[in-house]
Each structure stands twice: as C-alpha cells, then as structure tokens.
Amino acid sequence: MRENQANELPEMDFEQWSELAKNDMEAFEKMRLAAIESVIQSAPPHQQRRLRGLQWQIDQERRRASNPLAASIRLSNMMWEALVGPGGLLESLRGVVEPEMKPAKERCSAAVLPFNRPTE
C-alpha cells in the first residue's frame, strides 16, 4: 500500500489485495483490519466511537451471511436503509431543505388557545 498525500491514508492497490485474498487469507484479513483501524484512527476523536460501532454492525452482518455474495447483499441493504429508511440521510436532508417535511416526531405542534378580546 502507498501513502496517499491528500489525506495520509494508505492507498488501496486492488491487484495486491486480490492476490493476497487468493493466496494468503490470513495476511489479507490482517491487512483489512489494519486498513479499517487506520481509517477509524484518522477520524476526529468524537466520531471514532460511532465508527467502531458501525464497523461492529458490518462485521456481524458479514458473519451472519452464508457466503460473500450474501454478505455483500446484506451490507448493500444496510446502506440503502441508512440512505432512504426512517431517520436516514434522505429524510434528514429533506428536513433541512423543506422543514415541513421533517418527520412527525421532530415537528412541533401545540394547541391554539383562544384569547378573548378585552371588553371596553
């Protein structure tokens, strides 16, 4: 892996990774974990806990899958859910652009109280 000058993270070399996955799965897994840790460590400290939690969810989905294709489908579904599911990115963006489109739980509502006009 080469260092990418723009963000100091290792640059991925597909051929190297592919060859390693075919010939030395243990080394591939060590390299994969090191790359993930490098990305998490490069994030601001306040985001690292969330990233570790997300990586844990990804790892669990991979473990639950019966094969690599099934794992890929599970992870794709996770991403779609985060994008278009309840509380997802699309809903959040709509709430910023179109405040009336905010989810019901985020909209404020109140009873309108009638006020009597003072008598003269």
N, C-alpha and C. Protein backbone atom coordinates (compact mmCIF):
# COMPACT_ATOMS: atom_id res chain seq x y z
N MET A 1 0.85 -1.19 0.00
CA MET A 1 0.00 0.00 0.00
C MET A 1 0.88 1.24 0.00
N ARG A 2 0.50 2.24 -0.76
CA ARG A 2 1.21 3.50 -0.80
C ARG A 2 0.45 4.52 0.03
N GLU A 3 1.18 5.50 0.55
CA GLU A 3 0.53 6.58 1.29
C GLU A 3 -0.05 7.58 0.31
N ASN A 4 -1.28 7.97 0.53
CA ASN A 4 -1.94 8.98 -0.27
C ASN A 4 -1.65 10.33 0.38
N GLN A 5 -1.00 11.25 -0.31
CA GLN A 5 -0.59 12.53 0.26
C GLN A 5 -1.78 13.39 0.69
N ALA A 6 -2.91 13.28 0.01
CA ALA A 6 -4.04 14.16 0.29
C ALA A 6 -4.59 13.97 1.69
N ASN A 7 -4.72 12.73 2.15
CA ASN A 7 -5.34 12.52 3.46
C ASN A 7 -4.56 11.58 4.36
N GLU A 8 -3.33 11.23 3.98
CA GLU A 8 -2.44 10.43 4.81
C GLU A 8 -2.91 8.99 5.03
N LEU A 9 -3.95 8.54 4.36
CA LEU A 9 -4.40 7.17 4.49
C LEU A 9 -3.73 6.30 3.43
N PRO A 10 -3.54 5.02 3.72
CA PRO A 10 -2.93 4.15 2.71
C PRO A 10 -3.82 4.06 1.47
N GLU A 11 -3.20 4.08 0.31
CA GLU A 11 -3.93 3.93 -0.94
C GLU A 11 -4.11 2.43 -1.22
N MET A 12 -5.29 2.05 -1.64
CA MET A 12 -5.58 0.64 -1.89
C MET A 12 -5.06 0.24 -3.27
N ASP A 13 -4.35 -0.87 -3.33
CA ASP A 13 -3.86 -1.43 -4.58
C ASP A 13 -4.67 -2.70 -4.83
N PHE A 14 -5.66 -2.61 -5.73
CA PHE A 14 -6.58 -3.71 -5.95
C PHE A 14 -5.87 -5.02 -6.27
N GLU A 15 -4.88 -4.95 -7.15
CA GLU A 15 -4.17 -6.17 -7.55
C GLU A 15 -3.50 -6.84 -6.35
N GLN A 16 -2.87 -6.03 -5.51
CA GLN A 16 -2.21 -6.57 -4.32
C GLN A 16 -3.23 -7.23 -3.39
N TRP A 17 -4.34 -6.53 -3.15
CA TRP A 17 -5.38 -7.07 -2.27
C TRP A 17 -5.96 -8.36 -2.87
N SER A 18 -6.24 -8.35 -4.15
CA SER A 18 -6.81 -9.52 -4.81
C SER A 18 -5.88 -10.73 -4.72
N GLU A 19 -4.62 -10.50 -5.00
CA GLU A 19 -3.64 -11.58 -4.93
C GLU A 19 -3.52 -12.13 -3.51
N LEU A 20 -3.50 -11.25 -2.55
CA LEU A 20 -3.41 -11.67 -1.15
C LEU A 20 -4.64 -12.48 -0.75
N ALA A 21 -5.83 -12.05 -1.18
CA ALA A 21 -7.06 -12.77 -0.84
C ALA A 21 -7.06 -14.17 -1.43
N LYS A 22 -6.49 -14.32 -2.62
CA LYS A 22 -6.44 -15.63 -3.27
C LYS A 22 -5.43 -16.56 -2.61
N ASN A 23 -4.28 -16.00 -2.19
CA ASN A 23 -3.16 -16.84 -1.77
C ASN A 23 -2.89 -16.89 -0.28
N ASP A 24 -3.30 -15.87 0.48
CA ASP A 24 -2.98 -15.85 1.91
C ASP A 24 -4.10 -15.10 2.65
N MET A 25 -5.17 -15.82 2.92
CA MET A 25 -6.34 -15.19 3.53
C MET A 25 -6.03 -14.60 4.90
N GLU A 26 -5.15 -15.23 5.64
CA GLU A 26 -4.79 -14.73 6.97
C GLU A 26 -4.10 -13.35 6.85
N ALA A 27 -3.17 -13.23 5.93
CA ALA A 27 -2.49 -11.95 5.71
C ALA A 27 -3.47 -10.91 5.18
N PHE A 28 -4.37 -11.34 4.30
CA PHE A 28 -5.39 -10.44 3.77
C PHE A 28 -6.24 -9.88 4.91
N GLU A 29 -6.66 -10.76 5.81
CA GLU A 29 -7.51 -10.33 6.93
C GLU A 29 -6.76 -9.36 7.85
N LYS A 30 -5.50 -9.61 8.10
CA LYS A 30 -4.70 -8.70 8.93
C LYS A 30 -4.60 -7.33 8.26
N MET A 31 -4.37 -7.33 6.96
CA MET A 31 -4.26 -6.08 6.23
C MET A 31 -5.60 -5.34 6.21
N ARG A 32 -6.68 -6.08 6.05
CA ARG A 32 -8.02 -5.49 6.05
C ARG A 32 -8.31 -4.81 7.38
N LEU A 33 -8.01 -5.52 8.47
CA LEU A 33 -8.26 -4.95 9.80
C LEU A 33 -7.38 -3.73 10.05
N ALA A 34 -6.14 -3.78 9.59
CA ALA A 34 -5.24 -2.63 9.75
C ALA A 34 -5.75 -1.43 8.96
N ALA A 35 -6.26 -1.66 7.75
CA ALA A 35 -6.79 -0.56 6.93
C ALA A 35 -8.02 0.05 7.60
N ILE A 36 -8.89 -0.78 8.14
CA ILE A 36 -10.09 -0.28 8.83
C ILE A 36 -9.68 0.55 10.03
N GLU A 37 -8.74 0.03 10.82
CA GLU A 37 -8.27 0.76 12.01
C GLU A 37 -7.64 2.09 11.61
N SER A 38 -6.90 2.11 10.52
CA SER A 38 -6.27 3.34 10.05
C SER A 38 -7.33 4.39 9.72
N VAL A 39 -8.40 3.98 9.06
CA VAL A 39 -9.47 4.92 8.72
C VAL A 39 -10.15 5.44 9.98
N ILE A 40 -10.44 4.56 10.92
CA ILE A 40 -11.09 4.97 12.17
C ILE A 40 -10.18 5.92 12.95
N GLN A 41 -8.89 5.60 13.03
CA GLN A 41 -7.95 6.46 13.76
C GLN A 41 -7.79 7.83 13.10
N SER A 42 -8.00 7.90 11.79
CA SER A 42 -7.84 9.18 11.10
C SER A 42 -9.06 10.09 11.29
N ALA A 43 -10.16 9.53 11.79
CA ALA A 43 -11.37 10.33 12.01
C ALA A 43 -11.20 11.16 13.28
N PRO A 44 -11.95 12.26 13.39
CA PRO A 44 -11.92 13.05 14.63
C PRO A 44 -12.31 12.17 15.82
N PRO A 45 -11.70 12.39 16.98
CA PRO A 45 -11.97 11.55 18.15
C PRO A 45 -13.45 11.40 18.50
N HIS A 46 -14.23 12.47 18.33
CA HIS A 46 -15.65 12.39 18.68
C HIS A 46 -16.45 11.48 17.74
N GLN A 47 -15.89 11.10 16.59
CA GLN A 47 -16.58 10.22 15.65
C GLN A 47 -16.10 8.77 15.73
N GLN A 48 -14.99 8.53 16.40
CA GLN A 48 -14.40 7.21 16.40
C GLN A 48 -15.29 6.14 17.06
N ARG A 49 -15.95 6.48 18.14
CA ARG A 49 -16.83 5.50 18.80
C ARG A 49 -17.96 5.06 17.86
N ARG A 50 -18.54 6.02 17.17
CA ARG A 50 -19.63 5.72 16.21
C ARG A 50 -19.12 4.85 15.08
N LEU A 51 -17.91 5.15 14.58
CA LEU A 51 -17.33 4.36 13.50
C LEU A 51 -17.05 2.93 13.96
N ARG A 52 -16.57 2.77 15.18
CA ARG A 52 -16.32 1.42 15.70
C ARG A 52 -17.64 0.64 15.83
N GLY A 53 -18.69 1.34 16.24
CA GLY A 53 -20.00 0.70 16.33
C GLY A 53 -20.51 0.28 14.97
N LEU A 54 -20.33 1.14 14.00
CA LEU A 54 -20.76 0.82 12.63
C LEU A 54 -19.95 -0.36 12.09
N GLN A 55 -18.64 -0.36 12.34
CA GLN A 55 -17.81 -1.47 11.88
C GLN A 55 -18.23 -2.77 12.55
N TRP A 56 -18.62 -2.71 13.82
CA TRP A 56 -19.11 -3.90 14.52
C TRP A 56 -20.36 -4.43 13.84
N GLN A 57 -21.28 -3.53 13.47
CA GLN A 57 -22.50 -3.95 12.77
C GLN A 57 -22.15 -4.61 11.44
N ILE A 58 -21.23 -4.02 10.71
CA ILE A 58 -20.80 -4.58 9.42
C ILE A 58 -20.21 -5.97 9.62
N ASP A 59 -19.35 -6.11 10.63
CA ASP A 59 -18.73 -7.42 10.90
C ASP A 59 -19.78 -8.47 11.26
N GLN A 60 -20.80 -8.07 12.02
CA GLN A 60 -21.86 -9.02 12.39
C GLN A 60 -22.65 -9.47 11.17
N GLU A 61 -22.95 -8.53 10.28
CA GLU A 61 -23.67 -8.90 9.06
C GLU A 61 -22.83 -9.85 8.20
N ARG A 62 -21.54 -9.60 8.12
CA ARG A 62 -20.65 -10.49 7.36
C ARG A 62 -20.63 -11.89 7.97
N ARG A 63 -20.60 -11.95 9.31
CA ARG A 63 -20.57 -13.26 9.98
C ARG A 63 -21.88 -14.03 9.78
N ARG A 64 -22.98 -13.30 9.76
CA ARG A 64 -24.29 -13.95 9.62
C ARG A 64 -24.55 -14.45 8.20
N ALA A 65 -23.84 -13.90 7.25
CA ALA A 65 -24.06 -14.28 5.85
C ALA A 65 -23.46 -15.65 5.57
N SER A 66 -24.10 -16.38 4.68
CA SER A 66 -23.65 -17.73 4.35
C SER A 66 -22.49 -17.76 3.37
N ASN A 67 -22.31 -16.65 2.63
CA ASN A 67 -21.22 -16.59 1.64
C ASN A 67 -20.94 -15.12 1.32
N PRO A 68 -19.86 -14.83 0.61
CA PRO A 68 -19.51 -13.43 0.32
C PRO A 68 -20.60 -12.66 -0.43
N LEU A 69 -21.29 -13.30 -1.35
CA LEU A 69 -22.36 -12.60 -2.07
C LEU A 69 -23.48 -12.21 -1.12
N ALA A 70 -23.86 -13.13 -0.25
CA ALA A 70 -24.90 -12.83 0.73
C ALA A 70 -24.46 -11.69 1.65
N ALA A 71 -23.18 -11.67 2.02
CA ALA A 71 -22.67 -10.59 2.86
C ALA A 71 -22.76 -9.26 2.12
N SER A 72 -22.42 -9.27 0.85
CA SER A 72 -22.49 -8.06 0.04
C SER A 72 -23.92 -7.53 -0.04
N ILE A 73 -24.86 -8.42 -0.21
CA ILE A 73 -26.27 -8.03 -0.28
C ILE A 73 -26.73 -7.45 1.05
N ARG A 74 -26.33 -8.08 2.15
CA ARG A 74 -26.70 -7.58 3.48
C ARG A 74 -26.15 -6.17 3.70
N LEU A 75 -24.88 -5.97 3.32
CA LEU A 75 -24.27 -4.66 3.51
C LEU A 75 -24.90 -3.61 2.59
N SER A 76 -25.26 -4.01 1.39
CA SER A 76 -25.96 -3.11 0.48
C SER A 76 -27.30 -2.69 1.08
N ASN A 77 -28.01 -3.65 1.66
CA ASN A 77 -29.29 -3.33 2.30
C ASN A 77 -29.10 -2.37 3.48
N MET A 78 -28.02 -2.56 4.25
CA MET A 78 -27.72 -1.65 5.35
C MET A 78 -27.53 -0.22 4.83
N MET A 79 -26.78 -0.11 3.75
CA MET A 79 -26.52 1.22 3.19
C MET A 79 -27.80 1.87 2.68
N TRP A 80 -28.64 1.09 1.98
CA TRP A 80 -29.91 1.64 1.47
C TRP A 80 -30.79 2.09 2.63
N GLU A 81 -30.83 1.29 3.70
CA GLU A 81 -31.64 1.65 4.87
C GLU A 81 -31.14 2.96 5.47
N ALA A 82 -29.82 3.12 5.56
CA ALA A 82 -29.25 4.35 6.11
C ALA A 82 -29.53 5.54 5.20
N LEU A 83 -29.70 5.29 3.93
CA LEU A 83 -29.97 6.37 2.98
C LEU A 83 -31.44 6.74 2.93
N VAL A 84 -32.32 5.75 2.73
CA VAL A 84 -33.73 6.05 2.49
C VAL A 84 -34.67 5.56 3.59
N GLY A 85 -34.16 4.88 4.60
CA GLY A 85 -35.01 4.38 5.67
C GLY A 85 -35.43 5.48 6.63
N PRO A 86 -36.26 5.13 7.61
CA PRO A 86 -36.69 6.11 8.61
C PRO A 86 -35.49 6.71 9.33
N GLY A 87 -35.45 8.04 9.38
CA GLY A 87 -34.34 8.72 10.03
C GLY A 87 -33.05 8.69 9.21
N GLY A 88 -33.15 8.27 7.96
CA GLY A 88 -31.98 8.16 7.10
C GLY A 88 -31.53 9.50 6.53
N LEU A 89 -30.49 9.44 5.74
CA LEU A 89 -29.89 10.65 5.17
C LEU A 89 -30.90 11.43 4.34
N LEU A 90 -31.66 10.76 3.50
CA LEU A 90 -32.62 11.46 2.64
C LEU A 90 -33.64 12.22 3.47
N GLU A 91 -34.16 11.59 4.51
CA GLU A 91 -35.15 12.24 5.37
C GLU A 91 -34.51 13.44 6.09
N SER A 92 -33.28 13.28 6.54
CA SER A 92 -32.59 14.38 7.22
C SER A 92 -32.36 15.56 6.27
N LEU A 93 -31.94 15.27 5.05
CA LEU A 93 -31.72 16.34 4.09
C LEU A 93 -33.01 17.05 3.73
N ARG A 94 -34.06 16.29 3.58
CA ARG A 94 -35.35 16.92 3.28
C ARG A 94 -35.78 17.83 4.42
N GLY A 95 -35.49 17.43 5.65
CA GLY A 95 -35.84 18.26 6.80
C GLY A 95 -35.09 19.58 6.81
N VAL A 96 -33.90 19.60 6.26
CA VAL A 96 -33.11 20.83 6.19
C VAL A 96 -33.63 21.72 5.06
N VAL A 97 -33.87 21.11 3.90
CA VAL A 97 -34.30 21.87 2.73
C VAL A 97 -35.77 22.25 2.83
N GLU A 98 -36.59 21.33 3.28
CA GLU A 98 -38.04 21.54 3.37
C GLU A 98 -38.48 21.26 4.80
N PRO A 99 -38.41 22.25 5.71
CA PRO A 99 -38.71 22.00 7.12
C PRO A 99 -40.07 21.35 7.36
N GLU A 100 -41.05 21.62 6.50
CA GLU A 100 -42.37 21.00 6.69
C GLU A 100 -42.34 19.49 6.43
N MET A 101 -41.26 18.99 5.81
CA MET A 101 -41.12 17.57 5.51
C MET A 101 -40.45 16.81 6.66
N LYS A 102 -40.13 17.50 7.76
CA LYS A 102 -39.48 16.84 8.88
C LYS A 102 -40.37 15.70 9.38
N PRO A 103 -39.77 14.66 9.92
CA PRO A 103 -40.56 13.57 10.48
C PRO A 103 -41.50 14.10 11.57
N ALA A 104 -42.63 13.45 11.73
CA ALA A 104 -43.63 13.91 12.69
C ALA A 104 -43.05 14.08 14.09
N LYS A 105 -42.16 13.18 14.49
CA LYS A 105 -41.61 13.26 15.85
C LYS A 105 -40.75 14.50 16.04
N GLU A 106 -40.26 15.11 14.95
CA GLU A 106 -39.42 16.29 15.05
C GLU A 106 -40.21 17.58 14.86
N ARG A 107 -41.44 17.49 14.36
CA ARG A 107 -42.25 18.69 14.16
C ARG A 107 -42.84 19.12 15.49
N CYS A 108 -42.91 20.39 15.67
CA CYS A 108 -43.52 20.91 16.89
C CYS A 108 -45.00 21.13 16.63
N SER A 109 -45.80 20.85 17.62
CA SER A 109 -47.22 21.15 17.50
C SER A 109 -47.72 21.58 18.87
N ALA A 110 -48.74 22.37 18.86
CA ALA A 110 -49.31 22.85 20.11
C ALA A 110 -50.77 23.19 19.88
N ALA A 111 -51.50 23.16 20.97
CA ALA A 111 -52.91 23.56 20.89
C ALA A 111 -52.98 25.08 20.79
N VAL A 112 -53.88 25.58 19.97
CA VAL A 112 -54.07 27.02 19.83
C VAL A 112 -55.10 27.45 20.87
N LEU A 113 -54.70 28.37 21.71
CA LEU A 113 -55.59 28.84 22.77
C LEU A 113 -56.32 30.10 22.32
N PRO A 114 -57.64 30.11 22.49
CA PRO A 114 -58.37 31.33 22.11
C PRO A 114 -58.18 32.42 23.16
N PHE A 115 -58.02 33.64 22.73
CA PHE A 115 -57.94 34.77 23.64
C PHE A 115 -59.16 35.64 23.45
N ASN A 116 -59.84 35.95 24.54
CA ASN A 116 -60.99 36.82 24.46
C ASN A 116 -60.52 38.26 24.38
N ARG A 117 -61.20 39.04 23.56
CA ARG A 117 -60.86 40.45 23.47
C ARG A 117 -61.35 41.14 24.73
N PRO A 118 -60.53 42.06 25.16
CA PRO A 118 -60.97 42.78 26.38
C PRO A 118 -62.22 43.63 26.09
N THR A 119 -63.10 43.69 27.04
CA THR A 119 -64.32 44.50 26.87
C THR A 119 -64.04 45.93 27.29
N GLU A 120 -64.66 46.88 26.63
CA GLU A 120 -64.43 48.28 26.94
C GLU A 120 -65.49 48.83 27.80
